[in-house]
Amino acid sequence: MKTKEFTLRTERQGYYNITNAVREAIREAGVQSGLCVVFCPHTTGAITINENADPDVVRDLVLGLDTAFPDQAAFRHMEGNSHAHLKSSAVGASEILLVEDGRPLLGTWQGVYFCEFDGPRTRKFYVKVMTDA
């Protein structure tokens, strides 16, 4: 199956729910059972799976990562976004989802998120769906 590219415009640091885009890619691929890889090609962005029912969860994730990886005057990276690179490395560039009955196997409260640690930006993410047949 061909890799599907998506474009996302972010306004600020935060978590952007991309679950529907992932579902769309799976539907278009026509795969009933297999794997789905969601990949972020940016060094200050990431992909994660987390709760999508309570918006306070993503707010708390931003707060927690800001606390764990604050901007520091001692950082030497000229662009001034070393804290965003640290967050990206900690969260990770991709997630793998199981596909069954043409849908991603997600828990009741789970969603797939593009994590923006350095917005505003125009971002890309890729979805690759593979069949196990």
N, C-alpha and C. Protein backbone atom coordinates (compact mmCIF):
# COMPACT_ATOMS: atom_id res chain seq x y z
N MET A 1 0.83 -1.18 0.00
CA MET A 1 0.00 0.00 0.00
C MET A 1 0.88 1.25 0.00
N LYS A 2 0.41 2.26 -0.69
CA LYS A 2 1.16 3.51 -0.80
C LYS A 2 1.08 4.31 0.51
N THR A 3 2.18 4.96 0.85
CA THR A 3 2.21 5.83 2.03
C THR A 3 1.39 7.08 1.75
N LYS A 4 0.54 7.45 2.69
CA LYS A 4 -0.30 8.64 2.54
C LYS A 4 0.31 9.78 3.35
N GLU A 5 0.43 10.93 2.70
CA GLU A 5 0.98 12.12 3.34
C GLU A 5 -0.14 13.07 3.72
N PHE A 6 -0.06 13.61 4.92
CA PHE A 6 -1.01 14.61 5.40
C PHE A 6 -0.26 15.88 5.77
N THR A 7 -0.91 17.02 5.62
CA THR A 7 -0.35 18.31 6.03
C THR A 7 -1.22 18.86 7.15
N LEU A 8 -0.55 19.43 8.14
CA LEU A 8 -1.23 19.96 9.32
C LEU A 8 -0.64 21.31 9.64
N ARG A 9 -1.47 22.30 9.84
CA ARG A 9 -1.02 23.63 10.26
C ARG A 9 -1.23 23.75 11.76
N THR A 10 -0.13 23.96 12.50
CA THR A 10 -0.23 24.11 13.94
C THR A 10 -0.12 25.59 14.30
N GLU A 11 -0.82 25.99 15.31
CA GLU A 11 -0.81 27.40 15.73
C GLU A 11 0.13 27.64 16.90
N ARG A 12 0.34 26.59 17.70
CA ARG A 12 1.18 26.74 18.90
C ARG A 12 1.56 25.34 19.37
N GLN A 13 2.36 25.29 20.42
CA GLN A 13 2.69 24.01 21.03
C GLN A 13 1.40 23.35 21.49
N GLY A 14 1.28 22.06 21.24
CA GLY A 14 0.09 21.36 21.68
C GLY A 14 -0.05 20.01 21.01
N TYR A 15 -1.16 19.37 21.30
CA TYR A 15 -1.47 18.05 20.77
C TYR A 15 -2.65 18.19 19.82
N TYR A 16 -2.46 17.71 18.59
CA TYR A 16 -3.47 17.83 17.54
C TYR A 16 -4.00 16.44 17.22
N ASN A 17 -5.30 16.24 17.41
CA ASN A 17 -5.91 14.94 17.21
C ASN A 17 -5.95 14.61 15.71
N ILE A 18 -5.25 13.55 15.32
CA ILE A 18 -5.20 13.14 13.91
C ILE A 18 -5.85 11.77 13.71
N THR A 19 -6.64 11.33 14.68
CA THR A 19 -7.26 10.01 14.62
C THR A 19 -8.10 9.84 13.36
N ASN A 20 -8.87 10.84 12.99
CA ASN A 20 -9.72 10.71 11.80
C ASN A 20 -8.89 10.58 10.53
N ALA A 21 -7.76 11.27 10.46
CA ALA A 21 -6.87 11.13 9.29
C ALA A 21 -6.32 9.71 9.21
N VAL A 22 -5.96 9.14 10.35
CA VAL A 22 -5.45 7.77 10.38
C VAL A 22 -6.55 6.81 9.93
N ARG A 23 -7.75 7.00 10.43
CA ARG A 23 -8.88 6.15 10.02
C ARG A 23 -9.12 6.26 8.51
N GLU A 24 -9.03 7.48 7.99
CA GLU A 24 -9.20 7.71 6.56
C GLU A 24 -8.16 6.94 5.75
N ALA A 25 -6.91 6.99 6.18
CA ALA A 25 -5.84 6.29 5.45
C ALA A 25 -6.08 4.78 5.47
N ILE A 26 -6.52 4.26 6.60
CA ILE A 26 -6.81 2.82 6.69
C ILE A 26 -7.97 2.46 5.77
N ARG A 27 -9.01 3.27 5.79
CA ARG A 27 -10.18 3.04 4.92
C ARG A 27 -9.78 3.06 3.45
N GLU A 28 -9.00 4.07 3.06
CA GLU A 28 -8.57 4.18 1.66
C GLU A 28 -7.67 3.03 1.24
N ALA A 29 -6.88 2.50 2.17
CA ALA A 29 -5.99 1.39 1.85
C ALA A 29 -6.77 0.09 1.66
N GLY A 30 -7.97 0.04 2.22
CA GLY A 30 -8.79 -1.15 2.07
C GLY A 30 -8.28 -2.36 2.85
N VAL A 31 -7.42 -2.12 3.82
CA VAL A 31 -6.85 -3.21 4.62
C VAL A 31 -7.83 -3.57 5.74
N GLN A 32 -8.13 -4.84 5.85
CA GLN A 32 -9.02 -5.32 6.91
C GLN A 32 -8.26 -5.76 8.14
N SER A 33 -7.07 -6.30 7.95
CA SER A 33 -6.27 -6.79 9.07
C SER A 33 -4.80 -6.54 8.76
N GLY A 34 -4.10 -5.86 9.65
CA GLY A 34 -2.69 -5.57 9.41
C GLY A 34 -2.14 -4.59 10.41
N LEU A 35 -1.22 -3.76 9.94
CA LEU A 35 -0.56 -2.76 10.76
C LEU A 35 -0.64 -1.39 10.11
N CYS A 36 -0.63 -0.37 10.94
CA CYS A 36 -0.64 1.01 10.48
C CYS A 36 0.46 1.76 11.22
N VAL A 37 1.38 2.36 10.47
CA VAL A 37 2.45 3.16 11.04
C VAL A 37 2.14 4.63 10.80
N VAL A 38 2.21 5.42 11.85
CA VAL A 38 2.04 6.87 11.75
C VAL A 38 3.39 7.48 12.11
N PHE A 39 3.94 8.28 11.18
CA PHE A 39 5.31 8.77 11.32
C PHE A 39 5.38 10.28 11.17
N CYS A 40 6.17 10.91 12.04
CA CYS A 40 6.42 12.36 12.00
C CYS A 40 7.86 12.60 11.52
N PRO A 41 8.06 13.32 10.40
CA PRO A 41 9.41 13.55 9.89
C PRO A 41 10.08 14.82 10.43
N HIS A 42 9.59 15.32 11.56
CA HIS A 42 10.12 16.58 12.11
C HIS A 42 10.85 16.34 13.43
N THR A 43 11.90 17.09 13.68
CA THR A 43 12.70 16.90 14.90
C THR A 43 12.17 17.68 16.09
N THR A 44 11.11 18.45 15.90
CA THR A 44 10.48 19.14 17.02
C THR A 44 8.98 18.82 17.08
N GLY A 45 8.62 17.68 16.51
CA GLY A 45 7.26 17.16 16.58
C GLY A 45 7.34 15.69 16.93
N ALA A 46 6.19 15.09 17.19
CA ALA A 46 6.15 13.68 17.56
C ALA A 46 4.76 13.12 17.30
N ILE A 47 4.63 11.82 17.47
CA ILE A 47 3.34 11.14 17.36
C ILE A 47 3.13 10.36 18.65
N THR A 48 1.92 10.42 19.20
CA THR A 48 1.60 9.63 20.40
C THR A 48 0.15 9.18 20.37
N ILE A 49 -0.14 8.21 21.21
CA ILE A 49 -1.51 7.76 21.44
C ILE A 49 -1.81 8.09 22.90
N ASN A 50 -2.94 8.75 23.12
CA ASN A 50 -3.31 9.08 24.48
C ASN A 50 -4.81 9.33 24.55
N GLU A 51 -5.29 9.74 25.71
CA GLU A 51 -6.72 9.93 25.92
C GLU A 51 -7.26 11.06 25.05
N ASN A 52 -8.44 10.82 24.47
CA ASN A 52 -9.06 11.86 23.65
C ASN A 52 -10.44 12.26 24.18
N ALA A 53 -10.79 11.85 25.40
CA ALA A 53 -12.10 12.18 25.95
C ALA A 53 -12.09 13.48 26.74
N ASP A 54 -11.07 13.70 27.53
CA ASP A 54 -10.99 14.87 28.39
C ASP A 54 -9.90 15.80 27.87
N PRO A 55 -10.25 16.99 27.39
CA PRO A 55 -9.24 17.91 26.85
C PRO A 55 -8.20 18.34 27.87
N ASP A 56 -8.48 18.19 29.15
CA ASP A 56 -7.50 18.54 30.17
C ASP A 56 -6.29 17.60 30.14
N VAL A 57 -6.46 16.40 29.59
CA VAL A 57 -5.33 15.46 29.52
C VAL A 57 -4.23 16.04 28.64
N VAL A 58 -4.58 16.52 27.43
CA VAL A 58 -3.54 17.07 26.55
C VAL A 58 -2.96 18.35 27.14
N ARG A 59 -3.77 19.13 27.82
CA ARG A 59 -3.25 20.32 28.51
C ARG A 59 -2.21 19.91 29.54
N ASP A 60 -2.54 18.86 30.31
CA ASP A 60 -1.62 18.38 31.34
C ASP A 60 -0.36 17.77 30.73
N LEU A 61 -0.47 17.13 29.57
CA LEU A 61 0.71 16.60 28.89
C LEU A 61 1.66 17.73 28.51
N VAL A 62 1.12 18.81 27.96
CA VAL A 62 1.95 19.97 27.62
C VAL A 62 2.62 20.52 28.87
N LEU A 63 1.85 20.70 29.93
CA LEU A 63 2.39 21.22 31.19
C LEU A 63 3.48 20.30 31.74
N GLY A 64 3.24 18.99 31.73
CA GLY A 64 4.22 18.03 32.25
C GLY A 64 5.51 18.04 31.46
N LEU A 65 5.41 18.08 30.13
CA LEU A 65 6.63 18.10 29.32
C LEU A 65 7.36 19.44 29.45
N ASP A 66 6.60 20.54 29.59
CA ASP A 66 7.25 21.84 29.83
C ASP A 66 8.03 21.82 31.15
N THR A 67 7.48 21.14 32.14
CA THR A 67 8.15 21.04 33.43
C THR A 67 9.38 20.15 33.34
N ALA A 68 9.24 19.04 32.62
CA ALA A 68 10.35 18.09 32.49
C ALA A 68 11.47 18.63 31.59
N PHE A 69 11.07 19.39 30.57
CA PHE A 69 12.03 19.89 29.58
C PHE A 69 11.86 21.40 29.38
N PRO A 70 12.20 22.21 30.38
CA PRO A 70 12.04 23.66 30.23
C PRO A 70 13.12 24.23 29.31
N ASP A 71 12.79 25.38 28.72
CA ASP A 71 13.80 26.11 27.96
C ASP A 71 14.86 26.59 28.96
N GLN A 72 16.11 26.50 28.55
CA GLN A 72 17.20 26.89 29.46
C GLN A 72 18.19 27.80 28.74
N ALA A 73 18.65 28.80 29.43
CA ALA A 73 19.62 29.73 28.86
C ALA A 73 20.92 29.02 28.48
N ALA A 74 21.24 27.92 29.13
CA ALA A 74 22.49 27.19 28.86
C ALA A 74 22.46 26.41 27.54
N PHE A 75 21.29 26.23 26.95
CA PHE A 75 21.22 25.52 25.68
C PHE A 75 21.98 26.30 24.61
N ARG A 76 22.67 25.59 23.73
CA ARG A 76 23.53 26.25 22.73
C ARG A 76 22.95 26.23 21.32
N HIS A 77 21.93 25.45 21.07
CA HIS A 77 21.35 25.37 19.73
C HIS A 77 20.89 26.76 19.29
N MET A 78 21.40 27.22 18.15
CA MET A 78 21.17 28.59 17.69
C MET A 78 19.70 28.91 17.46
N GLU A 79 18.92 27.94 17.07
CA GLU A 79 17.51 28.20 16.75
C GLU A 79 16.67 28.47 18.01
N GLY A 80 17.21 28.11 19.18
CA GLY A 80 16.52 28.42 20.43
C GLY A 80 15.38 27.48 20.77
N ASN A 81 15.38 26.28 20.21
CA ASN A 81 14.27 25.36 20.49
C ASN A 81 14.76 23.99 20.96
N SER A 82 15.84 23.98 21.70
CA SER A 82 16.38 22.71 22.20
C SER A 82 15.36 21.97 23.06
N HIS A 83 14.56 22.71 23.83
CA HIS A 83 13.53 22.06 24.65
C HIS A 83 12.54 21.30 23.76
N ALA A 84 12.25 21.81 22.57
CA ALA A 84 11.34 21.12 21.64
C ALA A 84 11.98 19.84 21.10
N HIS A 85 13.28 19.87 20.83
CA HIS A 85 13.99 18.67 20.39
C HIS A 85 13.99 17.60 21.48
N LEU A 86 14.18 18.02 22.72
CA LEU A 86 14.16 17.07 23.84
C LEU A 86 12.79 16.41 23.97
N LYS A 87 11.74 17.19 23.87
CA LYS A 87 10.37 16.64 23.96
C LYS A 87 10.11 15.66 22.83
N SER A 88 10.53 16.03 21.63
CA SER A 88 10.34 15.16 20.47
C SER A 88 11.04 13.82 20.67
N SER A 89 12.26 13.86 21.16
CA SER A 89 13.01 12.62 21.39
C SER A 89 12.36 11.77 22.48
N ALA A 90 11.83 12.41 23.51
CA ALA A 90 11.20 11.67 24.60
C ALA A 90 9.89 11.00 24.17
N VAL A 91 9.11 11.68 23.35
CA VAL A 91 7.80 11.13 22.93
C VAL A 91 7.97 10.14 21.79
N GLY A 92 8.76 10.49 20.78
CA GLY A 92 9.01 9.57 19.68
C GLY A 92 8.38 10.00 18.38
N ALA A 93 8.98 9.54 17.30
CA ALA A 93 8.58 9.97 15.96
C ALA A 93 7.44 9.16 15.35
N SER A 94 7.08 8.02 15.96
CA SER A 94 6.06 7.18 15.31
C SER A 94 5.29 6.34 16.31
N GLU A 95 4.17 5.83 15.83
CA GLU A 95 3.36 4.86 16.56
C GLU A 95 2.93 3.79 15.57
N ILE A 96 2.78 2.57 16.06
CA ILE A 96 2.26 1.46 15.27
C ILE A 96 0.92 1.05 15.86
N LEU A 97 -0.08 0.97 15.00
CA LEU A 97 -1.41 0.56 15.43
C LEU A 97 -1.78 -0.75 14.76
N LEU A 98 -2.50 -1.58 15.47
CA LEU A 98 -3.07 -2.79 14.88
C LEU A 98 -4.33 -2.40 14.13
N VAL A 99 -4.58 -3.07 13.00
CA VAL A 99 -5.78 -2.84 12.21
C VAL A 99 -6.58 -4.13 12.19
N GLU A 100 -7.84 -4.04 12.58
CA GLU A 100 -8.76 -5.17 12.52
C GLU A 100 -10.11 -4.68 12.02
N ASP A 101 -10.71 -5.47 11.14
CA ASP A 101 -12.01 -5.11 10.55
C ASP A 101 -11.98 -3.73 9.91
N GLY A 102 -10.83 -3.38 9.33
CA GLY A 102 -10.70 -2.11 8.61
C GLY A 102 -10.61 -0.88 9.50
N ARG A 103 -10.35 -1.09 10.79
CA ARG A 103 -10.28 0.04 11.72
C ARG A 103 -9.06 -0.10 12.64
N PRO A 104 -8.53 1.04 13.12
CA PRO A 104 -7.43 0.94 14.08
C PRO A 104 -7.96 0.40 15.41
N LEU A 105 -7.20 -0.50 16.01
CA LEU A 105 -7.58 -1.01 17.33
C LEU A 105 -7.10 -0.02 18.38
N LEU A 106 -8.00 0.80 18.83
CA LEU A 106 -7.71 1.79 19.87
C LEU A 106 -8.62 1.53 21.06
N GLY A 107 -8.13 1.85 22.25
CA GLY A 107 -8.97 1.73 23.43
C GLY A 107 -10.09 2.75 23.40
N THR A 108 -11.06 2.55 24.26
CA THR A 108 -12.26 3.40 24.31
C THR A 108 -11.92 4.88 24.35
N TRP A 109 -10.91 5.24 25.10
CA TRP A 109 -10.59 6.66 25.30
C TRP A 109 -9.38 7.12 24.51
N GLN A 110 -8.84 6.26 23.64
CA GLN A 110 -7.59 6.61 22.95
C GLN A 110 -7.81 7.34 21.63
N GLY A 111 -6.87 8.23 21.33
CA GLY A 111 -6.79 8.91 20.06
C GLY A 111 -5.33 9.01 19.65
N VAL A 112 -5.10 9.29 18.38
CA VAL A 112 -3.74 9.46 17.85
C VAL A 112 -3.50 10.97 17.73
N TYR A 113 -2.34 11.41 18.21
CA TYR A 113 -2.03 12.83 18.24
C TYR A 113 -0.72 13.15 17.54
N PHE A 114 -0.73 14.27 16.82
CA PHE A 114 0.51 14.91 16.37
C PHE A 114 0.87 15.88 17.48
N CYS A 115 2.08 15.76 17.99
CA CYS A 115 2.56 16.62 19.07
C CYS A 115 3.42 17.74 18.48
N GLU A 116 2.99 18.94 18.67
CA GLU A 116 3.75 20.12 18.21
C GLU A 116 4.46 20.71 19.40
N PHE A 117 5.78 20.74 19.33
CA PHE A 117 6.57 21.29 20.42
C PHE A 117 7.23 22.61 20.06
N ASP A 118 6.93 23.16 18.86
CA ASP A 118 7.66 24.33 18.38
C ASP A 118 6.84 25.18 17.42
N GLY A 119 5.54 25.24 17.57
CA GLY A 119 4.70 25.95 16.60
C GLY A 119 4.84 27.46 16.68
N PRO A 120 4.21 28.18 15.78
CA PRO A 120 3.39 27.63 14.70
C PRO A 120 4.23 27.12 13.54
N ARG A 121 3.72 26.08 12.90
CA ARG A 121 4.43 25.46 11.78
C ARG A 121 3.41 24.83 10.83
N THR A 122 3.88 24.57 9.62
CA THR A 122 3.16 23.69 8.70
C THR A 122 3.90 22.37 8.76
N ARG A 123 3.19 21.34 9.16
CA ARG A 123 3.79 20.03 9.41
C ARG A 123 3.26 18.98 8.45
N LYS A 124 4.01 17.92 8.33
CA LYS A 124 3.58 16.75 7.59
C LYS A 124 3.63 15.55 8.53
N PHE A 125 2.77 14.60 8.25
CA PHE A 125 2.90 13.28 8.88
C PHE A 125 2.47 12.26 7.86
N TYR A 126 2.98 11.06 8.02
CA TYR A 126 2.77 9.99 7.05
C TYR A 126 2.07 8.82 7.72
N VAL A 127 1.22 8.16 6.94
CA VAL A 127 0.54 6.96 7.40
C VAL A 127 0.77 5.86 6.38
N LYS A 128 1.27 4.74 6.84
CA LYS A 128 1.53 3.57 6.00
C LYS A 128 0.71 2.42 6.57
N VAL A 129 -0.13 1.83 5.73
CA VAL A 129 -0.98 0.72 6.15
C VAL A 129 -0.53 -0.52 5.41
N MET A 130 -0.33 -1.60 6.18
CA MET A 130 0.16 -2.85 5.58
C MET A 130 -0.77 -3.99 5.98
N THR A 131 -1.08 -4.83 5.03
CA THR A 131 -1.95 -5.96 5.29
C THR A 131 -1.15 -7.15 5.79
N ASP A 132 -1.79 -7.99 6.59
CA ASP A 132 -1.12 -9.20 7.04
C ASP A 132 -1.52 -10.40 6.19
N ALA A 133 -2.30 -10.13 5.15
CA ALA A 133 -2.72 -11.23 4.25
C ALA A 133 -1.66 -11.54 3.20
